[in-house]
């Protein structure tokens, strides 16, 4: 596994070797010890999620204010997505900035998103399948969202907004500045 830090502290692009032969392919896509060695982050899996999305579906920007934090390991299993990590830590020098990576099924790529960062993705193909491992379980009262079209963040989703599909919760989500004013951001 190769870990490449992004311009936002706490987020890494990860490339794992995909071994192919006439039977198909094999990939070691998550190894605790390699994560710890490369990043210093002791990522323990507390929950695993799997989603299937239509073309243009945007999921996020989501984050948790759980005391233990919530990191994510995101991998596209089938199809293609643009995955986004947003720095929402109000005291961070990269507050309000984002990094994006395109992930495709079988490409051997993942993204590790540390605690205190917002996360979202858009499905770039019909029926994209995404696996995400979480370091803490979902907790209803500690989960929040930021509007994925917040102009102050300015995410390039790779698709015109009129072709995007949002949940009611995400399309009505507050902006980053509104979350800051309501003191609902990680420090």
Foldseek 3Di string as FASTA:
>chain_A
DDWADDPFPQKTKDFWDWDQDPVGIDTDQDDQVVCCVVRVDRFDFPDKDKDWDAAQEKDFQKAFPPPVFKKKKKAWQAAKKKKKKAQLAPPDPRHLEMDIDMHHRPRRIIMIGGGQITIMMGGNHGTIMMMMTMSHDDDVVGMAGAAPPQVSSPDCRVDDPVSHDYDPRNNPGHHSVVCVVVVNGHD
